[in-house]
Amino acid sequence: MSNEKINKVLIKAESVENFFARGRETAKLLDQNKTVKPRRIISFEDPRDLIKFLTAAKINLLSTIRKHPDSLSNLAKLLNRSRAAINKDIQLLEAIGIVKSEYVANPGHGKQKIISAIDKEPIQLQVQTVI
């Protein structure tokens, strides 16, 4: 793989067969010593899981984090949501690699956990389903 920057995240629904076909195609290119453009794809096998993931609240949270990384408490206040709800969404976003959290010094108060987006670029949504 090249050292190019990945400038977007693609989130999509796709079959297991398509997921593995993408992997095989990448492996073939690498076996042939061809350049493979870096990309980040988060795929869901079941489109219903994708829909559960992409709630308006999570999209708003991610947009807010992308513009201004902040603590769970501040994000909850800013978005007028409970800290528990924000924490639950952050755990999911962190588990799939869209946000990260790190502890930073908070002068006079010890440390605080700051949530930030891994990529500052917009996420591209692509839903392909066969009915």
N, C-alpha and C. Protein backbone atom coordinates (compact mmCIF):
# COMPACT_ATOMS: atom_id res chain seq x y z
N MET A 1 0.83 -1.18 0.00
CA MET A 1 0.00 0.00 0.00
C MET A 1 0.87 1.24 0.00
N SER A 2 0.38 2.26 -0.66
CA SER A 2 1.14 3.51 -0.69
C SER A 2 0.92 4.28 0.60
N ASN A 3 1.69 5.35 0.75
CA ASN A 3 1.57 6.17 1.95
C ASN A 3 0.65 7.36 1.74
N GLU A 4 -0.23 7.30 0.74
CA GLU A 4 -1.17 8.38 0.49
C GLU A 4 -2.13 8.54 1.65
N LYS A 5 -2.59 9.77 1.83
CA LYS A 5 -3.58 10.04 2.87
C LYS A 5 -4.95 9.56 2.39
N ILE A 6 -5.68 8.95 3.29
CA ILE A 6 -7.04 8.53 3.00
C ILE A 6 -7.92 9.75 3.24
N ASN A 7 -8.61 10.23 2.20
CA ASN A 7 -9.34 11.48 2.38
C ASN A 7 -10.83 11.33 2.57
N LYS A 8 -11.34 10.12 2.62
CA LYS A 8 -12.75 9.96 2.93
C LYS A 8 -13.02 8.57 3.47
N VAL A 9 -14.10 8.47 4.20
CA VAL A 9 -14.55 7.20 4.74
C VAL A 9 -15.83 6.86 3.99
N LEU A 10 -15.90 5.65 3.50
CA LEU A 10 -17.08 5.17 2.80
C LEU A 10 -17.82 4.21 3.72
N ILE A 11 -19.08 4.49 3.98
CA ILE A 11 -19.90 3.61 4.80
C ILE A 11 -20.96 3.03 3.89
N LYS A 12 -21.06 1.70 3.87
CA LYS A 12 -22.03 1.10 2.96
C LYS A 12 -22.53 -0.24 3.46
N ALA A 13 -23.62 -0.67 2.84
CA ALA A 13 -24.14 -2.01 3.08
C ALA A 13 -23.69 -2.86 1.89
N GLU A 14 -23.18 -4.02 2.19
CA GLU A 14 -22.76 -4.91 1.11
C GLU A 14 -22.81 -6.35 1.59
N SER A 15 -22.91 -7.25 0.65
CA SER A 15 -22.97 -8.67 0.99
C SER A 15 -21.60 -9.16 1.43
N VAL A 16 -21.58 -10.28 2.13
CA VAL A 16 -20.33 -10.89 2.54
C VAL A 16 -19.51 -11.24 1.30
N GLU A 17 -20.17 -11.72 0.26
CA GLU A 17 -19.48 -12.07 -0.99
C GLU A 17 -18.76 -10.86 -1.58
N ASN A 18 -19.43 -9.70 -1.60
CA ASN A 18 -18.80 -8.48 -2.12
C ASN A 18 -17.64 -8.03 -1.24
N PHE A 19 -17.81 -8.15 0.06
CA PHE A 19 -16.76 -7.78 1.00
C PHE A 19 -15.48 -8.58 0.70
N PHE A 20 -15.63 -9.90 0.58
CA PHE A 20 -14.46 -10.75 0.32
C PHE A 20 -13.94 -10.58 -1.10
N ALA A 21 -14.81 -10.28 -2.05
CA ALA A 21 -14.37 -10.02 -3.42
C ALA A 21 -13.46 -8.79 -3.46
N ARG A 22 -13.81 -7.76 -2.69
CA ARG A 22 -12.95 -6.57 -2.60
C ARG A 22 -11.59 -6.93 -2.04
N GLY A 23 -11.59 -7.77 -1.02
CA GLY A 23 -10.32 -8.20 -0.41
C GLY A 23 -9.47 -9.01 -1.39
N ARG A 24 -10.11 -9.90 -2.15
CA ARG A 24 -9.37 -10.70 -3.13
C ARG A 24 -8.78 -9.82 -4.23
N GLU A 25 -9.55 -8.83 -4.67
CA GLU A 25 -9.07 -7.91 -5.72
C GLU A 25 -7.86 -7.12 -5.22
N THR A 26 -7.92 -6.66 -3.99
CA THR A 26 -6.78 -5.94 -3.41
C THR A 26 -5.57 -6.85 -3.30
N ALA A 27 -5.78 -8.07 -2.86
CA ALA A 27 -4.67 -9.04 -2.74
C ALA A 27 -4.03 -9.31 -4.10
N LYS A 28 -4.85 -9.45 -5.15
CA LYS A 28 -4.31 -9.68 -6.50
C LYS A 28 -3.43 -8.52 -6.95
N LEU A 29 -3.92 -7.30 -6.72
CA LEU A 29 -3.13 -6.12 -7.10
C LEU A 29 -1.81 -6.08 -6.34
N LEU A 30 -1.84 -6.38 -5.07
CA LEU A 30 -0.61 -6.39 -4.27
C LEU A 30 0.34 -7.50 -4.74
N ASP A 31 -0.21 -8.67 -5.08
CA ASP A 31 0.61 -9.77 -5.59
C ASP A 31 1.29 -9.38 -6.89
N GLN A 32 0.66 -8.52 -7.67
CA GLN A 32 1.22 -8.08 -8.95
C GLN A 32 2.10 -6.83 -8.79
N ASN A 33 2.39 -6.47 -7.53
CA ASN A 33 3.18 -5.28 -7.20
C ASN A 33 2.59 -4.00 -7.77
N LYS A 34 1.27 -3.95 -7.86
CA LYS A 34 0.61 -2.75 -8.33
C LYS A 34 0.25 -1.88 -7.13
N THR A 35 0.14 -0.60 -7.38
CA THR A 35 -0.21 0.33 -6.31
C THR A 35 -1.68 0.20 -5.96
N VAL A 36 -1.94 0.15 -4.69
CA VAL A 36 -3.31 0.09 -4.20
C VAL A 36 -3.59 1.40 -3.49
N LYS A 37 -4.59 2.11 -3.97
CA LYS A 37 -4.96 3.38 -3.35
C LYS A 37 -5.56 3.11 -1.97
N PRO A 38 -5.07 3.79 -0.94
CA PRO A 38 -5.63 3.55 0.40
C PRO A 38 -7.07 4.03 0.48
N ARG A 39 -7.87 3.30 1.23
CA ARG A 39 -9.26 3.68 1.43
C ARG A 39 -9.75 3.10 2.74
N ARG A 40 -10.73 3.77 3.31
CA ARG A 40 -11.37 3.28 4.53
C ARG A 40 -12.82 3.00 4.21
N ILE A 41 -13.21 1.76 4.35
CA ILE A 41 -14.58 1.36 4.09
C ILE A 41 -15.11 0.65 5.32
N ILE A 42 -16.25 1.13 5.78
CA ILE A 42 -16.95 0.47 6.88
C ILE A 42 -18.20 -0.11 6.25
N SER A 43 -18.30 -1.44 6.27
CA SER A 43 -19.44 -2.06 5.61
C SER A 43 -20.29 -2.84 6.60
N PHE A 44 -21.57 -2.84 6.32
CA PHE A 44 -22.55 -3.57 7.12
C PHE A 44 -23.18 -4.60 6.21
N GLU A 45 -23.26 -5.83 6.68
CA GLU A 45 -23.88 -6.88 5.88
C GLU A 45 -25.38 -6.65 5.75
N ASP A 46 -26.00 -6.25 6.83
CA ASP A 46 -27.44 -6.06 6.84
C ASP A 46 -27.74 -4.56 6.76
N PRO A 47 -28.44 -4.11 5.72
CA PRO A 47 -28.77 -2.68 5.61
C PRO A 47 -29.51 -2.14 6.84
N ARG A 48 -30.24 -3.01 7.55
CA ARG A 48 -30.93 -2.56 8.77
C ARG A 48 -29.92 -2.15 9.84
N ASP A 49 -28.76 -2.82 9.89
CA ASP A 49 -27.72 -2.43 10.84
C ASP A 49 -27.14 -1.07 10.47
N LEU A 50 -27.01 -0.84 9.18
CA LEU A 50 -26.52 0.45 8.70
C LEU A 50 -27.49 1.56 9.11
N ILE A 51 -28.77 1.30 8.95
CA ILE A 51 -29.79 2.29 9.31
C ILE A 51 -29.76 2.56 10.82
N LYS A 52 -29.57 1.52 11.64
CA LYS A 52 -29.47 1.72 13.09
C LYS A 52 -28.25 2.58 13.42
N PHE A 53 -27.19 2.37 12.67
CA PHE A 53 -25.96 3.12 12.91
C PHE A 53 -26.12 4.60 12.54
N LEU A 54 -26.81 4.86 11.45
CA LEU A 54 -26.89 6.22 10.92
C LEU A 54 -28.13 6.98 11.41
N THR A 55 -28.23 7.17 12.68
CA THR A 55 -29.33 7.97 13.21
C THR A 55 -28.98 9.45 13.10
N ALA A 56 -30.00 10.27 13.11
CA ALA A 56 -29.79 11.73 13.05
C ALA A 56 -28.94 12.19 14.23
N ALA A 57 -29.16 11.60 15.39
CA ALA A 57 -28.41 11.98 16.59
C ALA A 57 -26.92 11.68 16.42
N LYS A 58 -26.59 10.51 15.86
CA LYS A 58 -25.18 10.15 15.67
C LYS A 58 -24.53 11.03 14.60
N ILE A 59 -25.26 11.32 13.54
CA ILE A 59 -24.72 12.18 12.49
C ILE A 59 -24.46 13.58 13.04
N ASN A 60 -25.38 14.10 13.83
CA ASN A 60 -25.20 15.41 14.45
C ASN A 60 -24.02 15.40 15.42
N LEU A 61 -23.90 14.33 16.20
CA LEU A 61 -22.79 14.19 17.13
C LEU A 61 -21.46 14.17 16.38
N LEU A 62 -21.39 13.38 15.34
CA LEU A 62 -20.15 13.28 14.56
C LEU A 62 -19.80 14.61 13.91
N SER A 63 -20.78 15.29 13.39
CA SER A 63 -20.55 16.61 12.79
C SER A 63 -20.00 17.59 13.83
N THR A 64 -20.56 17.56 15.01
CA THR A 64 -20.11 18.44 16.09
C THR A 64 -18.68 18.10 16.51
N ILE A 65 -18.39 16.81 16.65
CA ILE A 65 -17.04 16.39 17.04
C ILE A 65 -16.03 16.78 15.97
N ARG A 66 -16.41 16.62 14.73
CA ARG A 66 -15.50 16.95 13.62
C ARG A 66 -15.13 18.43 13.66
N LYS A 67 -16.10 19.29 13.98
CA LYS A 67 -15.84 20.73 14.03
C LYS A 67 -15.09 21.15 15.29
N HIS A 68 -15.43 20.47 16.42
CA HIS A 68 -14.84 20.89 17.69
C HIS A 68 -14.74 19.69 18.65
N PRO A 69 -13.59 19.03 18.68
CA PRO A 69 -13.41 17.93 19.65
C PRO A 69 -13.66 18.45 21.06
N ASP A 70 -14.31 17.62 21.88
CA ASP A 70 -14.66 18.09 23.22
C ASP A 70 -14.88 16.89 24.14
N SER A 71 -15.19 17.18 25.39
CA SER A 71 -15.45 16.14 26.38
C SER A 71 -16.89 15.62 26.24
N LEU A 72 -17.13 14.45 26.83
CA LEU A 72 -18.49 13.89 26.81
C LEU A 72 -19.50 14.86 27.42
N SER A 73 -19.14 15.41 28.57
CA SER A 73 -20.07 16.32 29.26
C SER A 73 -20.38 17.55 28.42
N ASN A 74 -19.36 18.15 27.83
CA ASN A 74 -19.58 19.33 27.01
C ASN A 74 -20.39 19.01 25.76
N LEU A 75 -20.11 17.84 25.16
CA LEU A 75 -20.89 17.43 23.99
C LEU A 75 -22.35 17.22 24.36
N ALA A 76 -22.60 16.62 25.50
CA ALA A 76 -23.97 16.39 25.96
C ALA A 76 -24.70 17.73 26.16
N LYS A 77 -24.03 18.69 26.78
CA LYS A 77 -24.64 20.01 26.99
C LYS A 77 -24.90 20.70 25.66
N LEU A 78 -23.90 20.67 24.80
CA LEU A 78 -23.99 21.34 23.50
C LEU A 78 -25.12 20.77 22.64
N LEU A 79 -25.30 19.45 22.69
CA LEU A 79 -26.29 18.79 21.85
C LEU A 79 -27.62 18.56 22.57
N ASN A 80 -27.68 19.00 23.83
CA ASN A 80 -28.90 18.84 24.63
C ASN A 80 -29.35 17.37 24.70
N ARG A 81 -28.39 16.50 24.98
CA ARG A 81 -28.64 15.07 25.14
C ARG A 81 -28.03 14.62 26.45
N SER A 82 -28.44 13.47 26.93
CA SER A 82 -27.87 12.97 28.17
C SER A 82 -26.43 12.50 27.94
N ARG A 83 -25.65 12.59 29.00
CA ARG A 83 -24.26 12.13 28.92
C ARG A 83 -24.22 10.64 28.59
N ALA A 84 -25.15 9.87 29.15
CA ALA A 84 -25.20 8.42 28.89
C ALA A 84 -25.46 8.13 27.41
N ALA A 85 -26.37 8.89 26.80
CA ALA A 85 -26.68 8.69 25.38
C ALA A 85 -25.47 9.04 24.52
N ILE A 86 -24.81 10.14 24.85
CA ILE A 86 -23.61 10.54 24.10
C ILE A 86 -22.53 9.47 24.26
N ASN A 87 -22.34 8.98 25.47
CA ASN A 87 -21.33 7.97 25.73
C ASN A 87 -21.60 6.69 24.92
N LYS A 88 -22.86 6.28 24.87
CA LYS A 88 -23.23 5.08 24.10
C LYS A 88 -22.91 5.26 22.62
N ASP A 89 -23.25 6.42 22.07
CA ASP A 89 -22.95 6.69 20.66
C ASP A 89 -21.44 6.77 20.41
N ILE A 90 -20.72 7.39 21.33
CA ILE A 90 -19.26 7.50 21.20
C ILE A 90 -18.63 6.11 21.20
N GLN A 91 -19.09 5.23 22.07
CA GLN A 91 -18.54 3.87 22.12
C GLN A 91 -18.72 3.17 20.78
N LEU A 92 -19.88 3.31 20.15
CA LEU A 92 -20.11 2.69 18.84
C LEU A 92 -19.21 3.32 17.78
N LEU A 93 -19.17 4.64 17.74
CA LEU A 93 -18.35 5.34 16.74
C LEU A 93 -16.87 5.02 16.91
N GLU A 94 -16.46 4.86 18.15
CA GLU A 94 -15.06 4.52 18.43
C GLU A 94 -14.77 3.06 18.03
N ALA A 95 -15.72 2.17 18.28
CA ALA A 95 -15.53 0.76 17.96
C ALA A 95 -15.35 0.52 16.46
N ILE A 96 -16.01 1.34 15.65
CA ILE A 96 -15.86 1.14 14.20
C ILE A 96 -14.82 2.07 13.58
N GLY A 97 -14.14 2.83 14.43
CA GLY A 97 -12.99 3.60 13.96
C GLY A 97 -13.27 4.95 13.36
N ILE A 98 -14.36 5.59 13.76
CA ILE A 98 -14.67 6.91 13.23
C ILE A 98 -14.22 8.02 14.18
N VAL A 99 -14.27 7.76 15.48
CA VAL A 99 -13.80 8.74 16.46
C VAL A 99 -12.79 8.07 17.39
N LYS A 100 -12.06 8.90 18.10
CA LYS A 100 -11.13 8.39 19.11
C LYS A 100 -11.25 9.26 20.34
N SER A 101 -10.88 8.68 21.46
CA SER A 101 -10.89 9.45 22.70
C SER A 101 -9.50 9.36 23.33
N GLU A 102 -9.12 10.45 23.95
CA GLU A 102 -7.83 10.48 24.63
C GLU A 102 -7.93 11.40 25.83
N TYR A 103 -7.14 11.06 26.84
CA TYR A 103 -7.12 11.88 28.04
C TYR A 103 -6.09 12.98 27.87
N VAL A 104 -6.51 14.20 28.20
CA VAL A 104 -5.62 15.36 28.13
C VAL A 104 -5.67 16.09 29.47
N ALA A 105 -4.62 16.85 29.72
CA ALA A 105 -4.55 17.61 30.97
C ALA A 105 -5.66 18.66 31.01
N ASN A 106 -6.29 18.77 32.17
CA ASN A 106 -7.32 19.78 32.41
C ASN A 106 -6.83 20.56 33.62
N PRO A 107 -6.11 21.66 33.40
CA PRO A 107 -5.47 22.40 34.48
C PRO A 107 -6.40 22.64 35.68
N GLY A 108 -5.92 22.23 36.83
CA GLY A 108 -6.66 22.41 38.06
C GLY A 108 -7.71 21.32 38.33
N HIS A 109 -7.90 20.44 37.36
CA HIS A 109 -8.93 19.40 37.51
C HIS A 109 -8.43 18.01 37.12
N GLY A 110 -7.14 17.85 36.93
CA GLY A 110 -6.61 16.54 36.54
C GLY A 110 -6.65 16.33 35.03
N LYS A 111 -7.33 15.28 34.62
CA LYS A 111 -7.41 14.97 33.19
C LYS A 111 -8.87 14.88 32.76
N GLN A 112 -9.08 15.10 31.47
CA GLN A 112 -10.42 14.91 30.92
C GLN A 112 -10.31 14.15 29.60
N LYS A 113 -11.34 13.42 29.30
CA LYS A 113 -11.39 12.62 28.09
C LYS A 113 -11.96 13.49 26.97
N ILE A 114 -11.18 13.65 25.90
CA ILE A 114 -11.61 14.45 24.75
C ILE A 114 -11.89 13.51 23.58
N ILE A 115 -13.02 13.73 22.94
CA ILE A 115 -13.43 12.94 21.80
C ILE A 115 -13.14 13.73 20.53
N SER A 116 -12.48 13.10 19.57
CA SER A 116 -12.20 13.76 18.29
C SER A 116 -12.42 12.80 17.14
N ALA A 117 -12.66 13.35 15.98
CA ALA A 117 -12.85 12.55 14.77
C ALA A 117 -11.50 12.07 14.27
N ILE A 118 -11.46 10.85 13.78
CA ILE A 118 -10.21 10.33 13.22
C ILE A 118 -9.91 11.02 11.90
N ASP A 119 -10.92 11.21 11.08
CA ASP A 119 -10.77 11.90 9.80
C ASP A 119 -11.56 13.19 9.84
N LYS A 120 -10.97 14.25 9.38
CA LYS A 120 -11.66 15.55 9.35
C LYS A 120 -12.52 15.69 8.10
N GLU A 121 -12.33 14.82 7.13
CA GLU A 121 -13.08 14.89 5.88
C GLU A 121 -14.47 14.30 6.06
N PRO A 122 -15.40 14.72 5.21
CA PRO A 122 -16.76 14.18 5.30
C PRO A 122 -16.79 12.68 5.02
N ILE A 123 -17.79 12.04 5.56
CA ILE A 123 -18.01 10.61 5.32
C ILE A 123 -18.93 10.48 4.12
N GLN A 124 -18.58 9.59 3.23
CA GLN A 124 -19.41 9.32 2.06
C GLN A 124 -20.28 8.12 2.36
N LEU A 125 -21.57 8.27 2.16
CA LEU A 125 -22.50 7.18 2.41
C LEU A 125 -22.90 6.55 1.09
N GLN A 126 -22.81 5.23 1.02
CA GLN A 126 -23.23 4.53 -0.18
C GLN A 126 -24.02 3.30 0.25
N VAL A 127 -25.26 3.24 -0.17
CA VAL A 127 -26.09 2.10 0.16
C VAL A 127 -26.45 1.40 -1.14
N GLN A 128 -26.04 0.16 -1.24
CA GLN A 128 -26.35 -0.65 -2.41
C GLN A 128 -27.03 -1.92 -1.91
N THR A 129 -28.26 -2.08 -2.26
CA THR A 129 -28.97 -3.28 -1.86
C THR A 129 -29.61 -3.92 -3.08
N VAL A 130 -29.71 -5.21 -3.05
CA VAL A 130 -30.37 -5.93 -4.11
C VAL A 130 -31.65 -6.49 -3.53
N ILE A 131 -32.75 -6.14 -4.13
CA ILE A 131 -34.05 -6.61 -3.63
C ILE A 131 -34.57 -7.71 -4.53
